[in-house]
Amino acid sequence: VTGSSDNEYFYVDFREYEYDLKWEFPRENLEFGKVLGSGAFGKVMNATAYGISKTGVSIQVAVKMLK
């Protein structure tokens, strides 16, 4: 966590966490829309995700795409 005036930092060592396949979602089940924002490391796009919560249901999501 970084405060705007106190310069305090909290570091996380991601090597302590195991990869969890449940956070993956197939790209072929996404329908991309417009770009919501972009920066030095990539962009964020609006998309419709089909079947992300349950089969037959679609919801709007934001997808971060790295360069």
N, C-alpha and C. Protein backbone atom coordinates (compact mmCIF):
# COMPACT_ATOMS: atom_id res chain seq x y z
N VAL A 1 0.85 -1.18 0.00
CA VAL A 1 0.00 0.00 0.00
C VAL A 1 0.89 1.23 0.00
N THR A 2 0.60 2.17 -0.83
CA THR A 2 1.38 3.39 -0.91
C THR A 2 0.47 4.57 -0.58
N GLY A 3 0.84 5.32 0.43
CA GLY A 3 0.10 6.51 0.78
C GLY A 3 0.54 7.68 -0.08
N SER A 4 -0.36 8.63 -0.32
CA SER A 4 -0.01 9.76 -1.18
C SER A 4 0.99 10.70 -0.52
N SER A 5 1.03 10.71 0.80
CA SER A 5 1.94 11.64 1.45
C SER A 5 2.92 10.97 2.41
N ASP A 6 2.67 9.71 2.78
CA ASP A 6 3.51 9.09 3.81
C ASP A 6 4.56 8.13 3.24
N ASN A 7 4.52 7.84 1.94
CA ASN A 7 5.51 6.99 1.28
C ASN A 7 5.70 5.63 1.95
N GLU A 8 4.64 5.04 2.45
CA GLU A 8 4.71 3.70 3.04
C GLU A 8 4.41 2.67 1.96
N TYR A 9 5.17 1.57 1.97
CA TYR A 9 5.00 0.53 0.96
C TYR A 9 4.76 -0.82 1.63
N PHE A 10 4.00 -1.64 0.96
CA PHE A 10 3.74 -3.00 1.41
C PHE A 10 4.12 -3.91 0.25
N TYR A 11 5.07 -4.79 0.47
CA TYR A 11 5.56 -5.66 -0.58
C TYR A 11 4.96 -7.06 -0.45
N VAL A 12 4.60 -7.64 -1.59
CA VAL A 12 4.06 -8.99 -1.64
C VAL A 12 5.00 -9.85 -2.47
N ASP A 13 5.42 -10.98 -1.92
CA ASP A 13 6.25 -11.93 -2.65
C ASP A 13 5.32 -12.96 -3.28
N PHE A 14 5.04 -12.80 -4.57
CA PHE A 14 4.08 -13.67 -5.24
C PHE A 14 4.58 -15.09 -5.41
N ARG A 15 5.84 -15.33 -5.15
CA ARG A 15 6.36 -16.70 -5.20
C ARG A 15 5.77 -17.54 -4.07
N GLU A 16 5.20 -16.90 -3.05
CA GLU A 16 4.59 -17.62 -1.93
C GLU A 16 3.22 -18.19 -2.28
N TYR A 17 2.67 -17.78 -3.42
CA TYR A 17 1.32 -18.20 -3.81
C TYR A 17 1.40 -19.18 -4.97
N GLU A 18 0.53 -20.19 -4.94
CA GLU A 18 0.48 -21.17 -6.01
C GLU A 18 -0.43 -20.68 -7.12
N TYR A 19 -0.11 -21.07 -8.35
CA TYR A 19 -0.94 -20.76 -9.51
C TYR A 19 -2.28 -21.48 -9.36
N ASP A 20 -3.38 -20.76 -9.61
CA ASP A 20 -4.71 -21.34 -9.48
C ASP A 20 -5.45 -21.22 -10.81
N LEU A 21 -5.68 -22.35 -11.45
CA LEU A 21 -6.30 -22.39 -12.77
C LEU A 21 -7.71 -21.79 -12.79
N LYS A 22 -8.39 -21.73 -11.65
CA LYS A 22 -9.77 -21.22 -11.65
C LYS A 22 -9.84 -19.74 -12.04
N TRP A 23 -8.73 -19.02 -12.00
CA TRP A 23 -8.72 -17.61 -12.38
C TRP A 23 -8.53 -17.41 -13.89
N GLU A 24 -8.29 -18.48 -14.61
CA GLU A 24 -8.14 -18.40 -16.06
C GLU A 24 -9.51 -18.46 -16.73
N PHE A 25 -9.64 -17.76 -17.87
CA PHE A 25 -10.89 -17.77 -18.63
C PHE A 25 -10.52 -17.83 -20.11
N PRO A 26 -11.16 -18.72 -20.89
CA PRO A 26 -10.78 -18.88 -22.29
C PRO A 26 -11.07 -17.63 -23.14
N ARG A 27 -10.08 -17.21 -23.88
CA ARG A 27 -10.20 -16.03 -24.74
C ARG A 27 -11.33 -16.18 -25.76
N GLU A 28 -11.56 -17.42 -26.21
CA GLU A 28 -12.61 -17.63 -27.22
C GLU A 28 -14.01 -17.38 -26.66
N ASN A 29 -14.15 -17.26 -25.35
CA ASN A 29 -15.45 -16.95 -24.74
C ASN A 29 -15.61 -15.46 -24.44
N LEU A 30 -14.69 -14.64 -24.96
CA LEU A 30 -14.76 -13.19 -24.79
C LEU A 30 -15.08 -12.52 -26.11
N GLU A 31 -15.95 -11.51 -26.06
CA GLU A 31 -16.21 -10.67 -27.22
C GLU A 31 -15.77 -9.26 -26.82
N PHE A 32 -14.69 -8.79 -27.43
CA PHE A 32 -14.10 -7.52 -27.03
C PHE A 32 -14.86 -6.34 -27.60
N GLY A 33 -14.94 -5.28 -26.80
CA GLY A 33 -15.58 -4.04 -27.20
C GLY A 33 -14.55 -2.94 -27.32
N LYS A 34 -14.89 -1.78 -26.76
CA LYS A 34 -14.01 -0.61 -26.90
C LYS A 34 -12.91 -0.60 -25.84
N VAL A 35 -11.89 0.18 -26.13
CA VAL A 35 -10.79 0.39 -25.19
C VAL A 35 -11.28 1.35 -24.11
N LEU A 36 -11.13 0.96 -22.85
CA LEU A 36 -11.54 1.80 -21.72
C LEU A 36 -10.42 2.73 -21.27
N GLY A 37 -9.19 2.31 -21.48
CA GLY A 37 -8.03 3.11 -21.08
C GLY A 37 -6.76 2.42 -21.52
N SER A 38 -5.67 3.19 -21.55
CA SER A 38 -4.39 2.60 -21.93
C SER A 38 -3.27 3.34 -21.23
N GLY A 39 -2.13 2.67 -21.15
CA GLY A 39 -0.98 3.25 -20.48
C GLY A 39 0.30 2.61 -20.97
N ALA A 40 1.36 2.82 -20.22
CA ALA A 40 2.68 2.35 -20.62
C ALA A 40 2.79 0.84 -20.69
N PHE A 41 1.98 0.11 -19.92
CA PHE A 41 2.13 -1.34 -19.85
C PHE A 41 1.06 -2.10 -20.62
N GLY A 42 0.08 -1.42 -21.17
CA GLY A 42 -0.96 -2.11 -21.91
C GLY A 42 -2.24 -1.32 -21.96
N LYS A 43 -3.36 -2.03 -22.08
CA LYS A 43 -4.66 -1.37 -22.17
C LYS A 43 -5.72 -2.18 -21.44
N VAL A 44 -6.84 -1.53 -21.15
CA VAL A 44 -8.00 -2.18 -20.54
C VAL A 44 -9.15 -2.05 -21.52
N MET A 45 -9.78 -3.20 -21.79
CA MET A 45 -10.87 -3.22 -22.76
C MET A 45 -12.16 -3.72 -22.12
N ASN A 46 -13.27 -3.19 -22.61
CA ASN A 46 -14.58 -3.69 -22.25
C ASN A 46 -14.79 -4.98 -23.04
N ALA A 47 -15.43 -5.98 -22.44
CA ALA A 47 -15.71 -7.23 -23.13
C ALA A 47 -16.96 -7.87 -22.56
N THR A 48 -17.56 -8.73 -23.35
CA THR A 48 -18.66 -9.57 -22.89
C THR A 48 -18.08 -10.96 -22.67
N ALA A 49 -18.27 -11.50 -21.47
CA ALA A 49 -17.75 -12.83 -21.13
C ALA A 49 -18.92 -13.80 -21.11
N TYR A 50 -18.84 -14.81 -21.96
CA TYR A 50 -19.90 -15.81 -22.06
C TYR A 50 -19.56 -17.01 -21.19
N GLY A 51 -20.43 -17.31 -20.22
CA GLY A 51 -20.25 -18.48 -19.37
C GLY A 51 -19.28 -18.30 -18.23
N ILE A 52 -18.95 -17.06 -17.87
CA ILE A 52 -17.97 -16.85 -16.79
C ILE A 52 -18.58 -17.12 -15.41
N SER A 53 -19.87 -16.85 -15.25
CA SER A 53 -20.51 -17.11 -13.96
C SER A 53 -21.27 -18.43 -13.97
N LYS A 54 -22.03 -18.66 -15.06
CA LYS A 54 -22.69 -19.95 -15.25
C LYS A 54 -23.02 -20.10 -16.74
N THR A 55 -23.20 -21.31 -17.17
CA THR A 55 -23.43 -21.61 -18.58
C THR A 55 -24.67 -20.88 -19.10
N GLY A 56 -24.53 -20.27 -20.28
CA GLY A 56 -25.65 -19.59 -20.91
C GLY A 56 -25.85 -18.15 -20.48
N VAL A 57 -25.03 -17.66 -19.57
CA VAL A 57 -25.17 -16.29 -19.07
C VAL A 57 -23.94 -15.48 -19.49
N SER A 58 -24.17 -14.25 -19.96
CA SER A 58 -23.06 -13.38 -20.32
C SER A 58 -23.08 -12.14 -19.43
N ILE A 59 -21.90 -11.63 -19.12
CA ILE A 59 -21.79 -10.41 -18.32
C ILE A 59 -20.70 -9.52 -18.90
N GLN A 60 -20.78 -8.24 -18.59
CA GLN A 60 -19.76 -7.28 -19.02
C GLN A 60 -18.59 -7.34 -18.05
N VAL A 61 -17.38 -7.35 -18.61
CA VAL A 61 -16.16 -7.40 -17.80
C VAL A 61 -15.15 -6.41 -18.36
N ALA A 62 -14.14 -6.12 -17.59
CA ALA A 62 -12.99 -5.34 -18.04
C ALA A 62 -11.81 -6.30 -18.14
N VAL A 63 -11.08 -6.23 -19.25
CA VAL A 63 -9.96 -7.14 -19.50
C VAL A 63 -8.69 -6.32 -19.63
N LYS A 64 -7.71 -6.63 -18.78
CA LYS A 64 -6.41 -5.96 -18.86
C LYS A 64 -5.53 -6.73 -19.82
N MET A 65 -5.00 -6.04 -20.81
CA MET A 65 -4.15 -6.67 -21.83
C MET A 65 -2.77 -6.03 -21.77
N LEU A 66 -1.78 -6.83 -21.47
CA LEU A 66 -0.41 -6.32 -21.37
C LEU A 66 0.23 -6.24 -22.75
N LYS A 67 1.19 -5.32 -22.89
CA LYS A 67 1.92 -5.20 -24.17
C LYS A 67 2.84 -6.35 -24.37
